[in-house]
Amino acid sequence: MSGAVNIKPLSVREEKKLKELESVIDAHRRGFYEVGMALAKIQAEKLYRLQADTFEIYGNEVWGLIERQLYRLVNAALVFENLTNWSGNDSPENLRNCAGFKQEDLPTNEAQCRPLTSITTKEQTIIWNQTIQTSRSENTKITAALVARCVREYKGEEFRKKLDEAKEKLTPKAVKEHGQNISPKMDQSYRGMLKTIEHEMQSNWRHTSKDMVRDCLQNLLAAIDEL
């Protein structure tokens, strides 16, 4: 740790809590949830501050975790916490009939949680439930690859809904209600563009990245605004 000044010393309570959390990490090195939650609390309360300048340095020097590993554990633990605390109350529509996740249906390793870390907590419950159902119907284990596939399928369905909404706005009735007009050629081109974007999404943006699609559309809007 570099020679920083004016670092607030740990209180007796904080020292005790740090020791307790570090003992959890040491005792559960193979248990991603316990380790991840202990690390998350150490980070949130800056209990590492007397041992290292940053949380990332602390994770590396004390536990031998590089930054990527450190945050994977923290994020996976937060996903697990969300799935554990969900009881089925106030649930998304396609989870209304569920009574919450049983203990045996919860993730058993960090890799299973990883694909869920980039989506909302509500989406996590939807997709994890979908993953469980897919695993049972296909008689296969829940792997990180299966979870990632369910994430892509869910995002694809949501994207198609948004495309349908965009198409609906250009029906003759909708156009007329807004007092606007659109030529058949423009209508055909617009729908063709939406279909092309859908194909790119289905290929997981393999041929054209999502950022490039967004940039192209933004550039087009900017050009139109200057006319």
C-alpha atoms as a PDB file:
ATOM      1  CA  MET A   1       0.000   0.000   0.000  1.00  0.00           C
ATOM      2  CA  SER A   2       1.332   3.434  -0.916  1.00  0.00           C
ATOM      3  CA  GLY A   3       1.993   6.032   1.740  1.00  0.00           C
ATOM      4  CA  ALA A   4      -1.407   7.688   1.793  1.00  0.00           C
ATOM      5  CA  VAL A   5      -2.242  10.172   4.545  1.00  0.00           C
ATOM      6  CA  ASN A   6      -5.398  10.952   6.505  1.00  0.00           C
ATOM      7  CA  ILE A   7      -6.829   7.465   6.138  1.00  0.00           C
ATOM      8  CA  LYS A   8      -9.625   7.015   8.620  1.00  0.00           C
ATOM      9  CA  PRO A   9      -8.639   4.188  10.980  1.00  0.00           C
ATOM     10  CA  LEU A  10     -10.978   1.260  11.435  1.00  0.00           C
ATOM     11  CA  SER A  11     -13.185   1.374  14.477  1.00  0.00           C
ATOM     12  CA  VAL A  12     -13.310  -1.590  16.844  1.00  0.00           C
ATOM     13  CA  ARG A  13     -16.584  -2.618  15.210  1.00  0.00           C
ATOM     14  CA  GLU A  14     -15.072  -2.349  11.722  1.00  0.00           C
ATOM     15  CA  GLU A  15     -11.967  -4.334  12.700  1.00  0.00           C
ATOM     16  CA  LYS A  16     -14.183  -7.076  14.126  1.00  0.00           C
ATOM     17  CA  LYS A  17     -16.382  -7.060  11.018  1.00  0.00           C
ATOM     18  CA  LEU A  18     -13.376  -7.203   8.671  1.00  0.00           C
ATOM     19  CA  LYS A  19     -11.972 -10.218  10.532  1.00  0.00           C
ATOM     20  CA  GLU A  20     -15.361 -11.942  10.399  1.00  0.00           C
ATOM     21  CA  LEU A  21     -15.763 -11.300   6.664  1.00  0.00           C
ATOM     22  CA  GLU A  22     -12.211 -12.371   5.860  1.00  0.00           C
ATOM     23  CA  SER A  23     -12.734 -15.581   7.843  1.00  0.00           C
ATOM     24  CA  VAL A  24     -15.786 -16.262   5.661  1.00  0.00           C
ATOM     25  CA  ILE A  25     -13.678 -15.807   2.513  1.00  0.00           C
ATOM     26  CA  ASP A  26     -10.939 -18.056   3.875  1.00  0.00           C
ATOM     27  CA  ALA A  27     -13.392 -20.783   4.927  1.00  0.00           C
ATOM     28  CA  HIS A  28     -15.437 -20.748   1.738  1.00  0.00           C
ATOM     29  CA  ARG A  29     -12.873 -20.301  -1.000  1.00  0.00           C
ATOM     30  CA  ARG A  30     -14.839 -22.747  -3.137  1.00  0.00           C
ATOM     31  CA  GLY A  31     -18.259 -21.242  -2.294  1.00  0.00           C
ATOM     32  CA  PHE A  32     -18.832 -18.359  -4.672  1.00  0.00           C
ATOM     33  CA  TYR A  33     -21.855 -16.892  -2.869  1.00  0.00           C
ATOM     34  CA  GLU A  34     -20.361 -16.631   0.613  1.00  0.00           C
ATOM     35  CA  VAL A  35     -17.062 -15.303  -0.754  1.00  0.00           C
ATOM     36  CA  GLY A  36     -18.724 -12.884  -3.153  1.00  0.00           C
ATOM     37  CA  MET A  37     -21.051 -11.409  -0.522  1.00  0.00           C
ATOM     38  CA  ALA A  38     -18.196 -10.999   1.971  1.00  0.00           C
ATOM     39  CA  LEU A  39     -16.159  -9.189  -0.688  1.00  0.00           C
ATOM     40  CA  ALA A  40     -19.151  -7.032  -1.635  1.00  0.00           C
ATOM     41  CA  LYS A  41     -19.559  -5.891   1.987  1.00  0.00           C
ATOM     42  CA  ILE A  42     -15.821  -5.213   2.345  1.00  0.00           C
ATOM     43  CA  GLN A  43     -15.998  -3.098  -0.816  1.00  0.00           C
ATOM     44  CA  ALA A  44     -19.194  -1.250   0.146  1.00  0.00           C
ATOM     45  CA  GLU A  45     -17.865  -0.239   3.579  1.00  0.00           C
ATOM     46  CA  LYS A  46     -14.249   0.283   2.405  1.00  0.00           C
ATOM     47  CA  LEU A  47     -13.009  -2.073   5.117  1.00  0.00           C
ATOM     48  CA  TYR A  48      -9.905  -2.726   3.017  1.00  0.00           C
ATOM     49  CA  ARG A  49      -8.645   0.849   3.360  1.00  0.00           C
ATOM     50  CA  LEU A  50      -5.834   0.162   5.850  1.00  0.00           C
ATOM     51  CA  GLN A  51      -4.494  -2.746   3.807  1.00  0.00           C
ATOM     52  CA  ALA A  52      -4.686  -1.346   0.284  1.00  0.00           C
ATOM     53  CA  ASP A  53      -5.419   1.863  -1.609  1.00  0.00           C
ATOM     54  CA  THR A  54      -8.178   0.272  -3.675  1.00  0.00           C
ATOM     55  CA  PHE A  55     -10.521  -2.677  -3.485  1.00  0.00           C
ATOM     56  CA  GLU A  56      -8.896  -4.159  -6.598  1.00  0.00           C
ATOM     57  CA  ILE A  57      -5.422  -4.060  -5.001  1.00  0.00           C
ATOM     58  CA  TYR A  58      -6.826  -5.570  -1.807  1.00  0.00           C
ATOM     59  CA  GLY A  59      -8.389  -8.438  -3.735  1.00  0.00           C
ATOM     60  CA  ASN A  60      -5.150  -9.169  -5.530  1.00  0.00           C
ATOM     61  CA  GLU A  61      -2.686  -8.804  -2.663  1.00  0.00           C
ATOM     62  CA  VAL A  62      -4.752 -10.451   0.075  1.00  0.00           C
ATOM     63  CA  TRP A  63      -6.679 -13.097  -1.900  1.00  0.00           C
ATOM     64  CA  GLY A  64      -4.735 -13.486  -5.134  1.00  0.00           C
ATOM     65  CA  LEU A  65      -7.715 -12.461  -7.257  1.00  0.00           C
ATOM     66  CA  ILE A  66      -7.211 -10.394 -10.369  1.00  0.00           C
ATOM     67  CA  GLU A  67      -9.771  -7.646 -10.992  1.00  0.00           C
ATOM     68  CA  ARG A  68     -11.881  -9.721 -13.395  1.00  0.00           C
ATOM     69  CA  GLN A  69     -12.131 -12.623 -10.937  1.00  0.00           C
ATOM     70  CA  LEU A  70     -12.871 -10.271  -8.061  1.00  0.00           C
ATOM     71  CA  TYR A  71     -15.848  -8.611  -9.722  1.00  0.00           C
ATOM     72  CA  ARG A  72     -17.162 -11.864 -11.164  1.00  0.00           C
ATOM     73  CA  LEU A  73     -17.470 -13.208  -7.617  1.00  0.00           C
ATOM     74  CA  VAL A  74     -19.099 -10.025  -6.308  1.00  0.00           C
ATOM     75  CA  ASN A  75     -21.571  -9.744  -9.201  1.00  0.00           C
ATOM     76  CA  ALA A  76     -22.442 -13.450  -9.130  1.00  0.00           C
ATOM     77  CA  ALA A  77     -23.142 -13.255  -5.410  1.00  0.00           C
ATOM     78  CA  LEU A  78     -25.501 -10.317  -5.977  1.00  0.00           C
ATOM     79  CA  VAL A  79     -27.350 -12.310  -8.652  1.00  0.00           C
ATOM     80  CA  PHE A  80     -27.637 -15.290  -6.290  1.00  0.00           C
ATOM     81  CA  GLU A  81     -28.854 -12.986  -3.511  1.00  0.00           C
ATOM     82  CA  ASN A  82     -31.549 -11.613  -5.812  1.00  0.00           C
ATOM     83  CA  LEU A  83     -32.728 -15.084  -6.832  1.00  0.00           C
ATOM     84  CA  THR A  84     -32.656 -16.276  -3.218  1.00  0.00           C
ATOM     85  CA  ASN A  85     -34.706 -13.341  -1.920  1.00  0.00           C
ATOM     86  CA  TRP A  86     -37.321 -13.545  -4.669  1.00  0.00           C
ATOM     87  CA  SER A  87     -40.388 -15.194  -3.149  1.00  0.00           C
ATOM     88  CA  GLY A  88     -42.774 -15.102  -6.090  1.00  0.00           C
ATOM     89  CA  ASN A  89     -44.615 -12.068  -4.728  1.00  0.00           C
ATOM     90  CA  ASP A  90     -45.013  -9.106  -7.087  1.00  0.00           C
ATOM     91  CA  SER A  91     -43.433 -11.300  -9.760  1.00  0.00           C
ATOM     92  CA  PRO A  92     -43.255 -10.743 -13.526  1.00  0.00           C
ATOM     93  CA  GLU A  93     -46.275 -12.014 -15.467  1.00  0.00           C
ATOM     94  CA  ASN A  94     -44.621 -15.217 -16.678  1.00  0.00           C
ATOM     95  CA  LEU A  95     -43.666 -16.110 -13.099  1.00  0.00           C
ATOM     96  CA  ARG A  96     -47.086 -15.511 -11.517  1.00  0.00           C
ATOM     97  CA  ASN A  97     -47.712 -19.198 -10.894  1.00  0.00           C
ATOM     98  CA  CYS A  98     -44.304 -19.858  -9.329  1.00  0.00           C
ATOM     99  CA  ALA A  99     -43.856 -20.003  -5.567  1.00  0.00           C
ATOM    100  CA  GLY A 100     -40.229 -18.875  -5.660  1.00  0.00           C
ATOM    101  CA  PHE A 101     -37.080 -20.809  -6.433  1.00  0.00           C
ATOM    102  CA  LYS A 102     -36.404 -23.934  -4.419  1.00  0.00           C
ATOM    103  CA  GLN A 103     -32.966 -24.343  -2.866  1.00  0.00           C
ATOM    104  CA  GLU A 104     -32.066 -27.115  -5.317  1.00  0.00           C
ATOM    105  CA  ASP A 105     -32.965 -24.851  -8.253  1.00  0.00           C
ATOM    106  CA  LEU A 106     -30.575 -22.034  -7.328  1.00  0.00           C
ATOM    107  CA  PRO A 107     -27.198 -21.561  -9.086  1.00  0.00           C
ATOM    108  CA  THR A 108     -24.371 -23.742  -7.805  1.00  0.00           C
ATOM    109  CA  ASN A 109     -21.400 -21.869  -9.271  1.00  0.00           C
ATOM    110  CA  GLU A 110     -20.262 -18.427 -10.389  1.00  0.00           C
ATOM    111  CA  ALA A 111     -20.241 -19.313 -14.101  1.00  0.00           C
ATOM    112  CA  GLN A 112     -24.000 -19.990 -14.071  1.00  0.00           C
ATOM    113  CA  CYS A 113     -24.624 -16.483 -12.702  1.00  0.00           C
ATOM    114  CA  ARG A 114     -22.233 -14.689 -15.042  1.00  0.00           C
ATOM    115  CA  PRO A 115     -24.619 -14.269 -18.022  1.00  0.00           C
ATOM    116  CA  LEU A 116     -27.219 -12.766 -15.662  1.00  0.00           C
ATOM    117  CA  THR A 117     -25.006  -9.983 -14.292  1.00  0.00           C
ATOM    118  CA  SER A 118     -25.616  -7.602 -17.211  1.00  0.00           C
ATOM    119  CA  ILE A 119     -29.428  -7.558 -16.958  1.00  0.00           C
ATOM    120  CA  THR A 120     -31.960  -6.190 -14.468  1.00  0.00           C
ATOM    121  CA  THR A 121     -32.945  -8.030 -11.295  1.00  0.00           C
ATOM    122  CA  LYS A 122     -36.440  -8.550 -12.711  1.00  0.00           C
ATOM    123  CA  GLU A 123     -34.998 -10.068 -15.895  1.00  0.00           C
ATOM    124  CA  GLN A 124     -32.728 -12.300 -13.812  1.00  0.00           C
ATOM    125  CA  THR A 125     -35.713 -14.036 -12.224  1.00  0.00           C
ATOM    126  CA  ILE A 126     -37.475 -14.410 -15.583  1.00  0.00           C
ATOM    127  CA  ILE A 127     -34.447 -15.851 -17.375  1.00  0.00           C
ATOM    128  CA  TRP A 128     -33.341 -18.111 -14.517  1.00  0.00           C
ATOM    129  CA  ASN A 129     -36.831 -19.617 -14.416  1.00  0.00           C
ATOM    130  CA  GLN A 130     -36.684 -20.072 -18.196  1.00  0.00           C
ATOM    131  CA  THR A 131     -33.277 -21.755 -17.818  1.00  0.00           C
ATOM    132  CA  ILE A 132     -34.642 -24.221 -15.258  1.00  0.00           C
ATOM    133  CA  GLN A 133     -37.578 -25.111 -17.526  1.00  0.00           C
ATOM    134  CA  THR A 134     -35.301 -25.501 -20.562  1.00  0.00           C
ATOM    135  CA  SER A 135     -32.913 -27.708 -18.597  1.00  0.00           C
ATOM    136  CA  ARG A 136     -35.762 -30.009 -17.585  1.00  0.00           C
ATOM    137  CA  SER A 137     -37.379 -30.173 -21.015  1.00  0.00           C
ATOM    138  CA  GLU A 138     -34.051 -30.925 -22.711  1.00  0.00           C
ATOM    139  CA  ASN A 139     -32.880 -33.217 -19.886  1.00  0.00           C
ATOM    140  CA  THR A 140     -29.574 -31.389 -19.606  1.00  0.00           C
ATOM    141  CA  LYS A 141     -27.529 -29.744 -16.867  1.00  0.00           C
ATOM    142  CA  ILE A 142     -27.629 -26.016 -16.277  1.00  0.00           C
ATOM    143  CA  THR A 143     -24.373 -24.638 -17.640  1.00  0.00           C
ATOM    144  CA  ALA A 144     -23.137 -21.105 -18.271  1.00  0.00           C
ATOM    145  CA  ALA A 145     -23.715 -21.746 -21.988  1.00  0.00           C
ATOM    146  CA  LEU A 146     -27.355 -22.711 -21.400  1.00  0.00           C
ATOM    147  CA  VAL A 147     -27.968 -19.606 -19.260  1.00  0.00           C
ATOM    148  CA  ALA A 148     -26.333 -17.417 -21.922  1.00  0.00           C
ATOM    149  CA  ARG A 149     -28.563 -19.010 -24.581  1.00  0.00           C
ATOM    150  CA  CYS A 150     -31.681 -18.252 -22.542  1.00  0.00           C
ATOM    151  CA  VAL A 151     -30.523 -14.655 -22.104  1.00  0.00           C
ATOM    152  CA  ARG A 152     -30.120 -14.304 -25.889  1.00  0.00           C
ATOM    153  CA  GLU A 153     -33.523 -15.879 -26.530  1.00  0.00           C
ATOM    154  CA  TYR A 154     -35.205 -13.590 -24.018  1.00  0.00           C
ATOM    155  CA  LYS A 155     -33.538 -10.493 -25.440  1.00  0.00           C
ATOM    156  CA  GLY A 156     -34.537 -11.659 -28.910  1.00  0.00           C
ATOM    157  CA  GLU A 157     -38.182 -11.920 -27.885  1.00  0.00           C
ATOM    158  CA  GLU A 158     -38.090  -8.478 -26.272  1.00  0.00           C
ATOM    159  CA  PHE A 159     -36.385  -7.025 -29.340  1.00  0.00           C
ATOM    160  CA  ARG A 160     -39.006  -8.526 -31.637  1.00  0.00           C
ATOM    161  CA  LYS A 161     -41.750  -6.987 -29.485  1.00  0.00           C
ATOM    162  CA  LYS A 162     -40.133  -3.571 -29.889  1.00  0.00           C
ATOM    163  CA  LEU A 163     -39.814  -4.127 -33.645  1.00  0.00           C
ATOM    164  CA  ASP A 164     -43.495  -5.053 -33.845  1.00  0.00           C
ATOM    165  CA  GLU A 165     -44.343  -1.862 -31.941  1.00  0.00           C
ATOM    166  CA  ALA A 166     -42.205   0.149 -34.370  1.00  0.00           C
ATOM    167  CA  LYS A 167     -43.968  -1.464 -37.343  1.00  0.00           C
ATOM    168  CA  GLU A 168     -47.380  -0.865 -35.767  1.00  0.00           C
ATOM    169  CA  LYS A 169     -46.673   2.860 -35.632  1.00  0.00           C
ATOM    170  CA  LEU A 170     -46.441   2.875 -39.433  1.00  0.00           C
ATOM    171  CA  THR A 171     -49.720   1.154 -40.240  1.00  0.00           C
ATOM    172  CA  PRO A 172     -51.965   3.257 -42.526  1.00  0.00           C
ATOM    173  CA  LYS A 173     -54.368   3.829 -39.621  1.00  0.00           C
ATOM    174  CA  ALA A 174     -51.621   4.996 -37.233  1.00  0.00           C
ATOM    175  CA  VAL A 175     -50.078   7.289 -39.841  1.00  0.00           C
ATOM    176  CA  LYS A 176     -53.465   8.820 -40.640  1.00  0.00           C
ATOM    177  CA  GLU A 177     -54.264   9.360 -36.941  1.00  0.00           C
ATOM    178  CA  HIS A 178     -51.073  11.423 -36.574  1.00  0.00           C
ATOM    179  CA  GLY A 179     -51.920  13.516 -39.614  1.00  0.00           C
ATOM    180  CA  GLN A 180     -48.800  12.342 -41.440  1.00  0.00           C
ATOM    181  CA  ASN A 181     -48.068  10.437 -44.612  1.00  0.00           C
ATOM    182  CA  ILE A 182     -45.511   7.943 -45.869  1.00  0.00           C
ATOM    183  CA  SER A 183     -44.863   6.758 -49.392  1.00  0.00           C
ATOM    184  CA  PRO A 184     -45.039   3.028 -50.227  1.00  0.00           C
ATOM    185  CA  LYS A 185     -41.343   3.117 -51.113  1.00  0.00           C
ATOM    186  CA  MET A 186     -40.376   4.698 -47.772  1.00  0.00           C
ATOM    187  CA  ASP A 187     -42.599   2.249 -45.895  1.00  0.00           C
ATOM    188  CA  GLN A 188     -40.973  -0.702 -47.687  1.00  0.00           C
ATOM    189  CA  SER A 189     -37.473   0.610 -46.993  1.00  0.00           C
ATOM    190  CA  TYR A 190     -38.228   1.201 -43.316  1.00  0.00           C
ATOM    191  CA  ARG A 191     -39.637  -2.272 -42.795  1.00  0.00           C
ATOM    192  CA  GLY A 192     -36.698  -3.749 -44.688  1.00  0.00           C
ATOM    193  CA  MET A 193     -34.284  -1.940 -42.370  1.00  0.00           C
ATOM    194  CA  LEU A 194     -36.100  -3.285 -39.290  1.00  0.00           C
ATOM    195  CA  LYS A 195     -35.942  -6.804 -40.711  1.00  0.00           C
ATOM    196  CA  THR A 196     -32.210  -6.446 -41.394  1.00  0.00           C
ATOM    197  CA  ILE A 197     -31.587  -5.252 -37.822  1.00  0.00           C
ATOM    198  CA  GLU A 198     -33.559  -8.247 -36.536  1.00  0.00           C
ATOM    199  CA  HIS A 199     -31.369 -10.625 -38.593  1.00  0.00           C
ATOM    200  CA  GLU A 200     -28.225  -9.004 -37.149  1.00  0.00           C
ATOM    201  CA  MET A 201     -29.581  -9.407 -33.626  1.00  0.00           C
ATOM    202  CA  GLN A 202     -30.438 -13.083 -34.242  1.00  0.00           C
ATOM    203  CA  SER A 203     -26.837 -13.682 -35.338  1.00  0.00           C
ATOM    204  CA  ASN A 204     -25.716 -12.146 -32.018  1.00  0.00           C
ATOM    205  CA  TRP A 205     -24.378  -9.115 -33.950  1.00  0.00           C
ATOM    206  CA  ARG A 206     -21.752 -11.316 -35.592  1.00  0.00           C
ATOM    207  CA  HIS A 207     -21.707  -9.462 -38.931  1.00  0.00           C
ATOM    208  CA  THR A 208     -22.496  -5.951 -37.727  1.00  0.00           C
ATOM    209  CA  SER A 209     -21.998  -4.910 -34.119  1.00  0.00           C
ATOM    210  CA  LYS A 210     -24.846  -3.420 -32.109  1.00  0.00           C
ATOM    211  CA  ASP A 211     -22.763  -0.281 -31.572  1.00  0.00           C
ATOM    212  CA  MET A 212     -22.310   0.112 -35.326  1.00  0.00           C
ATOM    213  CA  VAL A 213     -26.058  -0.229 -35.931  1.00  0.00           C
ATOM    214  CA  ARG A 214     -26.696   2.402 -33.258  1.00  0.00           C
ATOM    215  CA  ASP A 215     -24.070   4.743 -34.762  1.00  0.00           C
ATOM    216  CA  CYS A 216     -25.549   4.365 -38.242  1.00  0.00           C
ATOM    217  CA  LEU A 217     -29.029   5.260 -37.019  1.00  0.00           C
ATOM    218  CA  GLN A 218     -27.761   8.196 -34.967  1.00  0.00           C
ATOM    219  CA  ASN A 219     -25.800   9.520 -37.951  1.00  0.00           C
ATOM    220  CA  LEU A 220     -28.909   9.186 -40.116  1.00  0.00           C
ATOM    221  CA  LEU A 221     -31.023  11.127 -37.593  1.00  0.00           C
ATOM    222  CA  ALA A 222     -28.360  13.834 -37.333  1.00  0.00           C
ATOM    223  CA  ALA A 223     -28.226  14.158 -41.126  1.00  0.00           C
ATOM    224  CA  ILE A 224     -32.031  14.453 -41.337  1.00  0.00           C
ATOM    225  CA  ASP A 225     -32.078  17.131 -38.616  1.00  0.00           C
ATOM    226  CA  GLU A 226     -29.642  19.231 -40.668  1.00  0.00           C
ATOM    227  CA  LEU A 227     -31.848  19.192 -43.781  1.00  0.00           C
END
